N, C-alpha and C. Protein backbone atom coordinates (compact mmCIF):
# COMPACT_ATOMS: atom_id res chain seq x y z
N MET A 1 96.46 93.09 82.89
CA MET A 1 96.33 94.20 83.81
C MET A 1 97.67 94.91 83.98
N ASN A 2 98.75 94.16 83.98
CA ASN A 2 100.05 94.77 84.16
C ASN A 2 100.31 95.82 83.08
N GLY A 3 99.94 95.51 81.83
CA GLY A 3 100.12 96.45 80.74
C GLY A 3 99.31 97.71 80.92
N LEU A 4 98.08 97.56 81.39
CA LEU A 4 97.24 98.73 81.63
C LEU A 4 97.82 99.61 82.73
N MET A 5 98.28 98.98 83.79
CA MET A 5 98.88 99.75 84.88
C MET A 5 100.15 100.45 84.41
N GLN A 6 100.96 99.75 83.63
CA GLN A 6 102.20 100.34 83.13
C GLN A 6 101.90 101.53 82.22
N ALA A 7 100.89 101.40 81.36
CA ALA A 7 100.51 102.51 80.48
C ALA A 7 100.09 103.73 81.30
N GLY A 8 99.34 103.51 82.35
CA GLY A 8 98.93 104.61 83.22
C GLY A 8 100.10 105.28 83.90
N LEU A 9 101.04 104.47 84.37
CA LEU A 9 102.21 105.02 85.04
C LEU A 9 103.10 105.80 84.08
N GLU A 10 103.27 105.28 82.88
CA GLU A 10 104.15 105.94 81.91
C GLU A 10 103.56 107.22 81.33
N THR A 11 102.24 107.27 81.21
CA THR A 11 101.61 108.43 80.58
C THR A 11 101.06 109.43 81.60
N GLY A 12 100.88 108.99 82.84
CA GLY A 12 100.27 109.85 83.84
C GLY A 12 98.76 109.94 83.70
N VAL A 13 98.22 109.10 82.86
CA VAL A 13 96.77 109.06 82.64
C VAL A 13 96.23 107.77 83.25
N PRO A 14 95.32 107.87 84.22
CA PRO A 14 94.77 106.66 84.82
C PRO A 14 94.05 105.78 83.78
N VAL A 15 94.26 104.49 83.87
CA VAL A 15 93.63 103.54 82.98
C VAL A 15 92.79 102.59 83.83
N LEU A 16 91.52 102.48 83.52
CA LEU A 16 90.63 101.58 84.25
C LEU A 16 90.12 100.49 83.33
N SER A 17 89.87 99.33 83.90
CA SER A 17 89.34 98.21 83.14
C SER A 17 88.24 97.55 83.95
N VAL A 18 87.15 97.22 83.29
CA VAL A 18 86.04 96.55 83.96
C VAL A 18 85.69 95.31 83.17
N SER A 19 85.53 94.21 83.85
CA SER A 19 85.14 92.97 83.20
C SER A 19 83.86 92.47 83.85
N LEU A 20 82.84 92.31 83.05
CA LEU A 20 81.56 91.80 83.55
C LEU A 20 81.32 90.43 82.94
N THR A 21 81.65 89.41 83.70
CA THR A 21 81.54 88.04 83.20
C THR A 21 80.56 87.27 84.07
N PRO A 22 79.43 86.88 83.49
CA PRO A 22 78.46 86.12 84.28
C PRO A 22 78.99 84.74 84.65
N HIS A 23 78.66 84.30 85.83
CA HIS A 23 79.03 82.96 86.29
C HIS A 23 77.82 82.05 86.13
N GLN A 24 78.00 80.94 85.46
CA GLN A 24 76.94 79.95 85.25
C GLN A 24 75.72 80.56 84.55
N TYR A 25 75.97 81.31 83.49
CA TYR A 25 74.89 81.95 82.75
C TYR A 25 74.10 80.93 81.94
N GLN A 26 72.80 81.08 81.96
CA GLN A 26 71.89 80.29 81.12
C GLN A 26 70.98 81.27 80.40
N ASP A 27 70.78 81.05 79.11
CA ASP A 27 69.98 81.97 78.30
C ASP A 27 68.48 81.75 78.57
N THR A 28 68.07 82.20 79.76
CA THR A 28 66.66 82.12 80.12
C THR A 28 66.18 83.53 80.48
N GLU A 29 64.90 83.72 80.46
CA GLU A 29 64.34 85.04 80.80
C GLU A 29 64.75 85.45 82.21
N HIS A 30 64.72 84.49 83.12
CA HIS A 30 65.08 84.76 84.52
C HIS A 30 66.54 85.23 84.62
N HIS A 31 67.47 84.48 84.02
CA HIS A 31 68.88 84.87 84.09
C HIS A 31 69.14 86.16 83.34
N ASN A 32 68.49 86.36 82.21
CA ASN A 32 68.67 87.60 81.47
C ASN A 32 68.28 88.80 82.32
N ALA A 33 67.20 88.69 83.05
CA ALA A 33 66.75 89.80 83.91
C ALA A 33 67.75 90.06 85.03
N ILE A 34 68.23 89.00 85.64
CA ILE A 34 69.20 89.13 86.74
C ILE A 34 70.48 89.79 86.23
N TYR A 35 71.02 89.28 85.13
CA TYR A 35 72.28 89.80 84.63
C TYR A 35 72.14 91.19 84.03
N ARG A 36 71.01 91.49 83.44
CA ARG A 36 70.80 92.84 82.91
C ARG A 36 70.90 93.85 84.06
N LYS A 37 70.23 93.56 85.17
CA LYS A 37 70.29 94.45 86.32
C LYS A 37 71.71 94.50 86.89
N HIS A 38 72.34 93.35 86.97
CA HIS A 38 73.70 93.28 87.51
C HIS A 38 74.66 94.11 86.66
N PHE A 39 74.55 94.01 85.34
CA PHE A 39 75.44 94.76 84.45
C PHE A 39 75.20 96.26 84.58
N VAL A 40 73.95 96.66 84.72
CA VAL A 40 73.65 98.09 84.91
C VAL A 40 74.24 98.57 86.23
N ASP A 41 74.04 97.79 87.29
CA ASP A 41 74.58 98.16 88.61
C ASP A 41 76.10 98.28 88.56
N LYS A 42 76.77 97.29 87.97
CA LYS A 42 78.23 97.29 87.91
C LYS A 42 78.74 98.40 87.00
N GLY A 43 78.01 98.69 85.93
CA GLY A 43 78.38 99.80 85.06
C GLY A 43 78.31 101.12 85.79
N MET A 44 77.28 101.28 86.61
CA MET A 44 77.15 102.51 87.41
C MET A 44 78.28 102.60 88.43
N GLU A 45 78.65 101.49 89.04
CA GLU A 45 79.77 101.49 89.99
C GLU A 45 81.07 101.89 89.29
N ALA A 46 81.27 101.39 88.08
CA ALA A 46 82.48 101.74 87.33
C ALA A 46 82.47 103.23 86.99
N ALA A 47 81.32 103.75 86.58
CA ALA A 47 81.22 105.17 86.26
C ALA A 47 81.48 106.03 87.48
N GLU A 48 80.98 105.62 88.64
CA GLU A 48 81.22 106.35 89.87
C GLU A 48 82.71 106.35 90.22
N ALA A 49 83.38 105.22 89.99
CA ALA A 49 84.81 105.14 90.26
C ALA A 49 85.58 106.11 89.37
N VAL A 50 85.18 106.20 88.11
CA VAL A 50 85.83 107.13 87.18
C VAL A 50 85.63 108.57 87.66
N LEU A 51 84.43 108.91 88.06
CA LEU A 51 84.16 110.28 88.52
C LEU A 51 84.95 110.61 89.78
N LYS A 52 85.06 109.66 90.69
CA LYS A 52 85.85 109.88 91.91
C LYS A 52 87.32 110.06 91.56
N LEU A 53 87.81 109.25 90.65
CA LEU A 53 89.20 109.36 90.23
C LEU A 53 89.45 110.70 89.56
N LYS A 54 88.49 111.15 88.76
CA LYS A 54 88.62 112.43 88.09
C LYS A 54 88.74 113.56 89.11
N ARG A 55 87.93 113.50 90.16
CA ARG A 55 88.00 114.53 91.21
C ARG A 55 89.34 114.53 91.90
N VAL A 56 89.91 113.36 92.13
CA VAL A 56 91.22 113.25 92.78
C VAL A 56 92.31 113.82 91.88
N VAL A 57 92.24 113.50 90.61
CA VAL A 57 93.25 113.98 89.66
C VAL A 57 93.17 115.49 89.52
N ILE A 58 91.98 116.04 89.43
CA ILE A 58 91.81 117.48 89.31
C ILE A 58 92.30 118.20 90.56
N ALA A 59 92.07 117.59 91.72
CA ALA A 59 92.47 118.22 92.98
C ALA A 59 93.99 118.21 93.17
N ALA A 60 94.67 117.31 92.48
CA ALA A 60 96.13 117.18 92.67
C ALA A 60 96.92 118.26 91.98
């Protein structure tokens, strides 16, 4: 993370990183359904963060 933050500071371009790591994952239909939804939800949250950041950068 330090390298990503440093790259953003040096270039003036925000750098974001998202890690989606399941805890205690088991390859079952039940877990696949839970994690599929979780990954979609977290992906949408990450996309929303990017859009918010873009608005802040444009406004500056």
